[in-house]
Amino acid sequence: MLPLKESLQYLKGFPLAEYLVITSKDFDKKALEKLGFPLWLKISSSEHKAKLGGVVKCNNLEELTSSVNSLSKKFPFPLIIQKDFKGIEIMLGINQDPTFGKIIVFGSGGSNVEVFKDLSFLVCPTTKEELEKSFQELKIYKSLKEKNSRISELIKLIEKISNLKIKEADFNPIIVNSKEVKIIDTRIEL
């Protein structure tokens, strides 16, 4: 799996949460004005960043500077500073199945993946119609509809991702709200 930085670079042109890559403790603080607070500071790892303790929410510059100092003692640079987004968390995974070939799994994301097990599986490549039908069968679909979320944009994104030439991927979360859909975190194996 590629580390976060390289995974985000591979997805150039996709709807990514705005981010900055920092390579030292002396990062460009003026560039943060474009992102605004709160922000997320993440390690650029191919492992599960949160389980490693490599994800920190920062509400102001003082917290960010302190977190950069702290994380950089445990993990190598680069670090990723990412804009915070609110909305419903969706997960999307791609795996190689010995029987079916490339499959895609999607549903309730973030920490809810293990809690709700609200997931759908499809063989790739998939179509917009198959995705719409599968989404309507998920428990999270009701919440997406109630919050007037950008379901059609989300489905287009998942269809586009399902057609990428990748072996394996973990997109968790993808945030969807009434204004936009953003890929927040990802790990990709080419």
Protein backbone atom coordinates (compact mmCIF):
# COMPACT_ATOMS: atom_id res chain seq x y z
CA MET A 1 0.00 0.00 0.00
CA LEU A 2 1.14 3.51 -0.79
CA PRO A 3 1.52 5.98 2.07
CA LEU A 4 -1.11 8.73 2.36
CA LYS A 5 0.95 11.38 0.52
CA GLU A 6 1.51 9.17 -2.54
CA SER A 7 -2.10 7.90 -2.46
CA LEU A 8 -3.40 11.47 -2.53
CA GLN A 9 -1.01 12.36 -5.36
CA TYR A 10 -2.24 9.35 -7.37
CA LEU A 11 -5.80 10.65 -6.98
CA LYS A 12 -5.04 14.10 -8.40
CA GLY A 13 -8.20 15.32 -10.11
CA PHE A 14 -10.48 13.51 -7.65
CA PRO A 15 -12.47 15.43 -4.99
CA LEU A 16 -9.89 15.37 -2.20
CA ALA A 17 -10.12 17.28 1.05
CA GLU A 18 -7.73 20.21 0.68
CA TYR A 19 -4.35 19.40 2.21
CA LEU A 20 -0.77 20.53 2.64
CA VAL A 21 2.31 18.35 2.82
CA ILE A 22 4.88 19.48 5.36
CA THR A 23 8.43 18.19 5.38
CA SER A 24 9.77 19.87 8.52
CA LYS A 25 8.74 21.64 11.71
CA ASP A 26 9.28 24.95 9.87
CA PHE A 27 6.17 24.77 7.71
CA ASP A 28 4.48 27.64 5.88
CA LYS A 29 1.93 28.96 8.37
CA LYS A 30 0.48 31.44 5.84
CA ALA A 31 -0.63 28.54 3.64
CA LEU A 32 -2.88 27.42 6.50
CA GLU A 33 -5.08 30.50 6.08
CA LYS A 34 -6.56 28.95 2.93
CA LEU A 35 -7.52 25.79 4.84
CA GLY A 36 -8.78 27.40 8.04
CA PHE A 37 -9.18 25.68 11.41
CA PRO A 38 -9.99 23.09 12.62
CA LEU A 39 -7.48 20.95 10.74
CA TRP A 40 -6.33 17.35 10.90
CA LEU A 41 -2.66 16.47 11.17
CA LYS A 42 -1.85 12.99 9.84
CA ILE A 43 1.17 10.83 9.35
CA SER A 44 1.82 9.70 5.79
CA SER A 45 1.73 5.98 6.44
CA SER A 46 0.48 2.97 4.55
CA GLU A 47 -0.71 1.56 7.89
CA HIS A 48 -3.92 2.47 9.71
CA LYS A 49 -2.97 5.98 10.85
CA ALA A 50 -5.48 6.32 13.71
CA LYS A 51 -4.51 2.96 15.23
CA LEU A 52 -0.87 4.09 15.22
CA GLY A 53 -1.78 7.35 16.99
CA GLY A 54 -0.96 9.32 13.86
CA VAL A 55 -4.10 11.44 13.51
CA VAL A 56 -4.67 14.60 15.57
CA LYS A 57 -7.40 17.25 15.34
CA CYS A 58 -5.99 20.76 15.75
CA ASN A 59 -8.27 23.71 16.52
CA ASN A 60 -5.68 26.47 16.26
CA LEU A 61 -2.09 27.19 15.26
CA GLU A 62 -0.75 26.56 18.76
CA GLU A 63 -2.28 23.05 18.84
CA LEU A 64 -1.03 22.35 15.31
CA THR A 65 2.54 23.44 16.09
CA SER A 66 2.55 21.34 19.27
CA SER A 67 1.13 18.31 17.41
CA VAL A 68 3.70 18.63 14.59
CA ASN A 69 6.46 18.65 17.21
CA SER A 70 4.96 15.65 18.99
CA LEU A 71 4.19 13.51 15.91
CA SER A 72 7.54 14.24 14.27
CA LYS A 73 9.30 12.70 17.29
CA LYS A 74 7.48 9.39 16.68
CA PHE A 75 6.98 9.37 12.89
CA PRO A 76 9.06 10.57 9.95
CA PHE A 77 8.14 13.52 7.77
CA PRO A 78 6.25 14.21 5.59
CA LEU A 79 3.13 14.95 7.58
CA ILE A 80 -0.22 15.89 6.06
CA ILE A 81 -2.32 18.85 7.22
CA GLN A 82 -5.88 18.46 6.01
CA LYS A 83 -9.01 20.58 6.09
CA ASP A 84 -11.81 19.36 8.36
CA PHE A 85 -15.11 18.38 6.72
CA LYS A 86 -18.46 17.63 8.29
CA GLY A 87 -20.92 15.15 6.91
CA ILE A 88 -21.76 11.48 6.71
CA GLU A 89 -18.81 9.11 6.61
CA ILE A 90 -18.74 6.47 3.88
CA MET A 91 -16.12 3.77 3.43
CA LEU A 92 -15.06 2.27 0.14
CA GLY A 93 -12.71 -0.63 -0.32
CA ILE A 94 -11.34 -2.49 -3.32
CA ASN A 95 -9.95 -6.01 -3.05
CA GLN A 96 -8.99 -8.90 -5.27
CA ASP A 97 -11.19 -11.94 -4.69
CA PRO A 98 -9.88 -15.33 -5.94
CA THR A 99 -13.32 -16.28 -7.26
CA PHE A 100 -14.86 -13.02 -8.46
CA GLY A 101 -11.80 -10.92 -9.30
CA LYS A 102 -11.80 -7.25 -8.38
CA ILE A 103 -14.59 -6.39 -5.93
CA ILE A 104 -15.73 -3.16 -4.35
CA VAL A 105 -17.23 -2.80 -0.88
CA PHE A 106 -18.91 0.35 0.41
CA GLY A 107 -21.20 1.52 3.18
CA SER A 108 -21.16 3.21 6.58
CA GLY A 109 -17.68 4.58 7.16
CA GLY A 110 -15.32 5.90 9.79
CA SER A 111 -15.46 4.02 13.07
CA ASN A 112 -18.99 2.88 12.14
CA VAL A 113 -17.62 0.22 9.78
CA GLU A 114 -17.09 -2.29 12.58
CA VAL A 115 -20.14 -1.15 14.57
CA PHE A 116 -22.91 -1.28 11.95
CA LYS A 117 -21.46 -3.64 9.34
CA ASP A 118 -23.68 -1.77 6.86
CA LEU A 119 -21.86 -2.78 3.68
CA SER A 120 -22.56 -3.71 0.10
CA PHE A 121 -20.32 -5.74 -2.24
CA LEU A 122 -20.16 -5.52 -6.05
CA VAL A 123 -17.91 -6.98 -8.73
CA CYS A 124 -15.86 -4.38 -10.66
CA PRO A 125 -16.24 -2.62 -12.90
CA THR A 126 -19.68 -1.59 -11.76
CA THR A 127 -22.36 0.67 -13.19
CA LYS A 128 -24.21 3.67 -11.88
CA GLU A 129 -27.44 1.64 -11.83
CA GLU A 130 -25.89 -1.18 -9.76
CA LEU A 131 -24.45 1.34 -7.31
CA GLU A 132 -27.75 3.20 -6.91
CA LYS A 133 -29.62 -0.06 -6.23
CA SER A 134 -26.99 -1.22 -3.72
CA PHE A 135 -26.95 2.13 -1.91
CA GLN A 136 -30.72 2.10 -1.50
CA GLU A 137 -30.40 -1.24 0.34
CA LEU A 138 -27.97 0.18 2.93
CA LYS A 139 -29.13 1.50 6.33
CA ILE A 140 -27.08 4.67 5.81
CA TYR A 141 -29.09 5.55 2.69
CA LYS A 142 -31.93 6.95 4.84
CA SER A 143 -29.52 9.32 6.61
CA LEU A 144 -28.02 10.41 3.30
CA LYS A 145 -31.50 11.23 1.94
CA GLU A 146 -32.63 13.01 5.14
CA LYS A 147 -29.56 15.25 5.13
CA ASN A 148 -30.00 16.03 1.42
CA SER A 149 -26.53 14.63 0.76
CA ARG A 150 -24.92 14.57 -2.67
CA ILE A 151 -25.74 10.92 -3.33
CA SER A 152 -25.44 11.18 -7.12
CA GLU A 153 -21.95 12.73 -6.81
CA LEU A 154 -20.97 9.99 -4.37
CA ILE A 155 -22.16 7.28 -6.76
CA LYS A 156 -20.25 8.88 -9.66
CA LEU A 157 -17.11 8.96 -7.50
CA ILE A 158 -17.46 5.30 -6.50
CA GLU A 159 -18.05 4.30 -10.13
CA LYS A 160 -14.93 6.23 -11.18
CA ILE A 161 -12.84 4.65 -8.41
CA SER A 162 -14.11 1.17 -9.33
CA ASN A 163 -12.60 1.63 -12.80
CA LEU A 164 -9.12 2.62 -11.58
CA LYS A 165 -6.26 0.27 -12.36
CA ILE A 166 -5.49 -0.55 -8.72
CA LYS A 167 -5.16 -3.88 -6.90
CA GLU A 168 -6.43 -2.80 -3.51
CA ALA A 169 -7.64 0.36 -1.82
CA ASP A 170 -9.14 1.66 1.39
CA PHE A 171 -11.02 4.97 1.27
CA ASN A 172 -12.19 5.66 4.81
CA PRO A 173 -13.74 8.01 5.18
CA ILE A 174 -15.26 9.68 2.20
CA ILE A 175 -17.38 12.53 3.58
CA VAL A 176 -20.64 13.45 1.88
CA ASN A 177 -22.90 16.36 2.82
CA SER A 178 -25.42 18.63 1.11
CA LYS A 179 -22.68 20.64 -0.64
CA GLU A 180 -19.93 18.22 -1.62
CA VAL A 181 -18.25 14.84 -1.54
CA LYS A 182 -14.61 14.65 -0.39
CA ILE A 183 -12.10 11.84 -0.07
CA ILE A 184 -10.56 12.30 3.37
CA ASP A 185 -8.28 9.33 3.83
CA THR A 186 -7.01 6.62 1.53
CA ARG A 187 -4.47 3.87 1.05
CA ILE A 188 -3.87 2.43 -2.41
CA GLU A 189 -1.95 -0.50 -3.82
CA LEU A 190 -1.20 -0.20 -7.53
